[in-house]
C-alpha atoms as a PDB file:
ATOM      1  CA  MET A   1     -12.605  33.040 -16.470  1.00  0.00           C
ATOM      2  CA  THR A   2      -9.899  31.670 -15.174  1.00  0.00           C
ATOM      3  CA  SER A   3      -9.683  27.971 -15.180  1.00  0.00           C
ATOM      4  CA  GLN A   4      -9.123  26.385 -11.521  1.00  0.00           C
ATOM      5  CA  LYS A   5      -7.598  23.066 -11.012  1.00  0.00           C
ATOM      6  CA  LEU A   6     -10.038  20.826  -8.578  1.00  0.00           C
ATOM      7  CA  PRO A   7      -8.882  18.947  -5.728  1.00  0.00           C
ATOM      8  CA  GLN A   8      -7.487  15.614  -5.859  1.00  0.00           C
ATOM      9  CA  PRO A   9      -9.339  13.238  -3.679  1.00  0.00           C
ATOM     10  CA  MET A  10      -6.991  11.766  -0.577  1.00  0.00           C
ATOM     11  CA  LYS A  11      -5.362   8.843  -1.226  1.00  0.00           C
ATOM     12  CA  ILE A  12      -5.519   6.324   1.063  1.00  0.00           C
ATOM     13  CA  TYR A  13      -2.960   3.070   1.627  1.00  0.00           C
ATOM     14  CA  LEU A  14      -5.445   0.385   2.926  1.00  0.00           C
ATOM     15  CA  ALA A  15      -2.357  -1.647   5.163  1.00  0.00           C
ATOM     16  CA  GLY A  16      -3.164  -4.965   7.385  1.00  0.00           C
ATOM     17  CA  PRO A  17      -2.985  -8.666   7.317  1.00  0.00           C
ATOM     18  CA  ASP A  18      -6.179  -9.481   5.274  1.00  0.00           C
ATOM     19  CA  VAL A  19      -3.449  -9.690   1.991  1.00  0.00           C
ATOM     20  CA  PHE A  20      -3.395 -13.379   3.739  1.00  0.00           C
ATOM     21  CA  LEU A  21      -6.581 -14.391   3.398  1.00  0.00           C
ATOM     22  CA  PRO A  22      -8.562 -16.327   1.288  1.00  0.00           C
ATOM     23  CA  ASP A  23     -10.891 -14.133  -0.174  1.00  0.00           C
ATOM     24  CA  ALA A  24      -8.120 -11.169  -0.031  1.00  0.00           C
ATOM     25  CA  LEU A  25      -9.303  -9.682  -3.496  1.00  0.00           C
ATOM     26  CA  ASP A  26     -12.870  -9.239  -2.738  1.00  0.00           C
ATOM     27  CA  ILE A  27     -11.876  -7.569   0.950  1.00  0.00           C
ATOM     28  CA  GLY A  28      -9.910  -4.971  -0.894  1.00  0.00           C
ATOM     29  CA  ARG A  29     -12.161  -4.388  -3.334  1.00  0.00           C
ATOM     30  CA  ARG A  30     -14.748  -3.732  -0.385  1.00  0.00           C
ATOM     31  CA  LYS A  31     -12.178  -1.491   1.197  1.00  0.00           C
ATOM     32  CA  VAL A  32     -11.615   0.586  -1.818  1.00  0.00           C
ATOM     33  CA  GLU A  33     -15.327   1.031  -2.425  1.00  0.00           C
ATOM     34  CA  ILE A  34     -15.602   2.384   0.920  1.00  0.00           C
ATOM     35  CA  CYS A  35     -13.084   4.512   0.671  1.00  0.00           C
ATOM     36  CA  ALA A  36     -14.842   5.986  -2.993  1.00  0.00           C
ATOM     37  CA  ARG A  37     -17.951   6.723  -0.612  1.00  0.00           C
ATOM     38  CA  PHE A  38     -16.352   9.498   1.405  1.00  0.00           C
ATOM     39  CA  GLY A  39     -14.513  11.008  -1.324  1.00  0.00           C
ATOM     40  CA  LEU A  40     -10.859   8.963  -1.162  1.00  0.00           C
ATOM     41  CA  THR A  41      -9.146   6.813  -3.387  1.00  0.00           C
ATOM     42  CA  GLY A  42      -7.933   3.691  -1.873  1.00  0.00           C
ATOM     43  CA  LEU A  43      -4.564   1.620  -2.853  1.00  0.00           C
ATOM     44  CA  TYR A  44      -4.565  -1.943  -1.990  1.00  0.00           C
ATOM     45  CA  PRO A  45      -1.571  -3.806  -1.667  1.00  0.00           C
ATOM     46  CA  LEU A  46      -2.523  -6.297  -4.179  1.00  0.00           C
ATOM     47  CA  ASP A  47      -3.232  -3.537  -6.917  1.00  0.00           C
ATOM     48  CA  ASN A  48      -0.245  -3.829  -7.758  1.00  0.00           C
ATOM     49  CA  ALA A  49       0.634  -6.152 -10.887  1.00  0.00           C
ATOM     50  CA  ILE A  50       3.326  -8.736  -9.814  1.00  0.00           C
ATOM     51  CA  ASP A  51       4.546 -11.716 -11.595  1.00  0.00           C
ATOM     52  CA  LEU A  52       4.684 -13.918  -8.527  1.00  0.00           C
ATOM     53  CA  SER A  53       6.474 -16.937 -10.842  1.00  0.00           C
ATOM     54  CA  THR A  54       9.502 -14.447 -10.878  1.00  0.00           C
ATOM     55  CA  ALA A  55      12.555 -15.154  -8.550  1.00  0.00           C
ATOM     56  CA  ASP A  56      12.067 -11.415  -7.395  1.00  0.00           C
ATOM     57  CA  ALA A  57       8.520 -11.468  -6.759  1.00  0.00           C
ATOM     58  CA  SER A  58       8.779 -10.768  -3.168  1.00  0.00           C
ATOM     59  CA  LEU A  59      11.656  -7.392  -3.687  1.00  0.00           C
ATOM     60  CA  GLN A  60       8.444  -6.544  -6.645  1.00  0.00           C
ATOM     61  CA  ILE A  61       5.703  -6.772  -3.846  1.00  0.00           C
ATOM     62  CA  PHE A  62       7.788  -5.013  -1.618  1.00  0.00           C
ATOM     63  CA  ARG A  63       8.680  -2.231  -3.764  1.00  0.00           C
ATOM     64  CA  GLY A  64       5.116  -1.823  -5.219  1.00  0.00           C
ATOM     65  CA  ASN A  65       3.972  -1.582  -1.981  1.00  0.00           C
ATOM     66  CA  ALA A  66       6.354   1.095  -0.893  1.00  0.00           C
ATOM     67  CA  ALA A  67       5.961   2.789  -4.072  1.00  0.00           C
ATOM     68  CA  MET A  68       2.081   3.264  -3.013  1.00  0.00           C
ATOM     69  CA  MET A  69       2.477   4.600   0.590  1.00  0.00           C
ATOM     70  CA  ASP A  70       5.359   7.056  -0.883  1.00  0.00           C
ATOM     71  CA  ASN A  71       2.285   7.952  -3.092  1.00  0.00           C
ATOM     72  CA  ALA A  72      -0.498   8.271  -0.604  1.00  0.00           C
ATOM     73  CA  ASP A  73      -1.465  10.633   1.900  1.00  0.00           C
ATOM     74  CA  ALA A  74      -2.463   8.410   4.676  1.00  0.00           C
ATOM     75  CA  ILE A  75      -1.831   5.064   5.378  1.00  0.00           C
ATOM     76  CA  ILE A  76      -4.664   3.139   7.623  1.00  0.00           C
ATOM     77  CA  ASP A  77      -4.931  -0.068   8.665  1.00  0.00           C
ATOM     78  CA  ALA A  78      -8.806  -0.805   9.974  1.00  0.00           C
ATOM     79  CA  GLU A  79      -8.225  -3.773  10.824  1.00  0.00           C
ATOM     80  CA  GLU A  80      -8.016  -4.476  14.562  1.00  0.00           C
ATOM     81  CA  LEU A  81      -3.998  -6.148  15.856  1.00  0.00           C
ATOM     82  CA  THR A  82      -3.137  -9.425  17.050  1.00  0.00           C
ATOM     83  CA  VAL A  83      -0.004  -9.460  19.048  1.00  0.00           C
ATOM     84  CA  GLU A  84       1.170 -11.824  15.565  1.00  0.00           C
ATOM     85  CA  GLU A  85      -0.410  -9.000  13.351  1.00  0.00           C
ATOM     86  CA  HIS A  86       1.976  -6.516  14.820  1.00  0.00           C
ATOM     87  CA  ASP A  87       5.041  -7.077  12.485  1.00  0.00           C
ATOM     88  CA  LEU A  88       2.935  -6.170   9.132  1.00  0.00           C
ATOM     89  CA  ALA A  89       1.817  -2.798  10.356  1.00  0.00           C
ATOM     90  CA  CYS A  90       5.498  -2.279  11.841  1.00  0.00           C
ATOM     91  CA  PHE A  91       6.493  -2.880   8.289  1.00  0.00           C
ATOM     92  CA  GLU A  92       4.397  -0.594   7.059  1.00  0.00           C
ATOM     93  CA  THR A  93       5.306   2.052   9.179  1.00  0.00           C
ATOM     94  CA  CYS A  94       8.723   1.465   8.742  1.00  0.00           C
ATOM     95  CA  VAL A  95       8.902   1.809   5.200  1.00  0.00           C
ATOM     96  CA  THR A  96       7.075   4.819   5.081  1.00  0.00           C
ATOM     97  CA  LEU A  97       8.956   6.490   8.132  1.00  0.00           C
ATOM     98  CA  ALA A  98      12.606   5.303   6.136  1.00  0.00           C
ATOM     99  CA  ALA A  99      11.187   6.889   2.869  1.00  0.00           C
ATOM    100  CA  THR A 100      13.174  10.138   3.373  1.00  0.00           C
ATOM    101  CA  HIS A 101      16.574   8.556   4.626  1.00  0.00           C
ATOM    102  CA  PHE A 102      17.110   5.690   2.916  1.00  0.00           C
ATOM    103  CA  ALA A 103      18.034   5.070  -0.691  1.00  0.00           C
ATOM    104  CA  THR A 104      18.010   1.694  -2.695  1.00  0.00           C
ATOM    105  CA  SER A 105      20.432   0.418  -5.524  1.00  0.00           C
ATOM    106  CA  ASN A 106      18.896  -1.459  -8.398  1.00  0.00           C
ATOM    107  CA  ARG A 107      22.668  -2.816  -9.292  1.00  0.00           C
ATOM    108  CA  ALA A 108      23.261  -6.712  -8.609  1.00  0.00           C
ATOM    109  CA  SER A 109      25.888  -6.928  -5.577  1.00  0.00           C
ATOM    110  CA  GLY A 110      28.944  -9.019  -6.078  1.00  0.00           C
END
């Protein structure tokens, strides 16, 4: 009898502007739970452990979310976007598309 590797659940990056809402963590938890009900693994941007008191917190957020998107099988935004929110979705889309075309350096400039 040969052992077969079970398929891994599809990983879904849960994009959207809701990360800026006061109850963002609760929203993310609910979205991840919905994914789990359908056999999917939800990747919520606020799941990254970021020390917001550091000078490079925004870079940590960027790199953490870019890594999540790179690791995801799909990126979705279940929110209806307003005109003001399109820039946020564009960021996530552009990071995904650029991932194979650009590289970043961790060296300090100067």
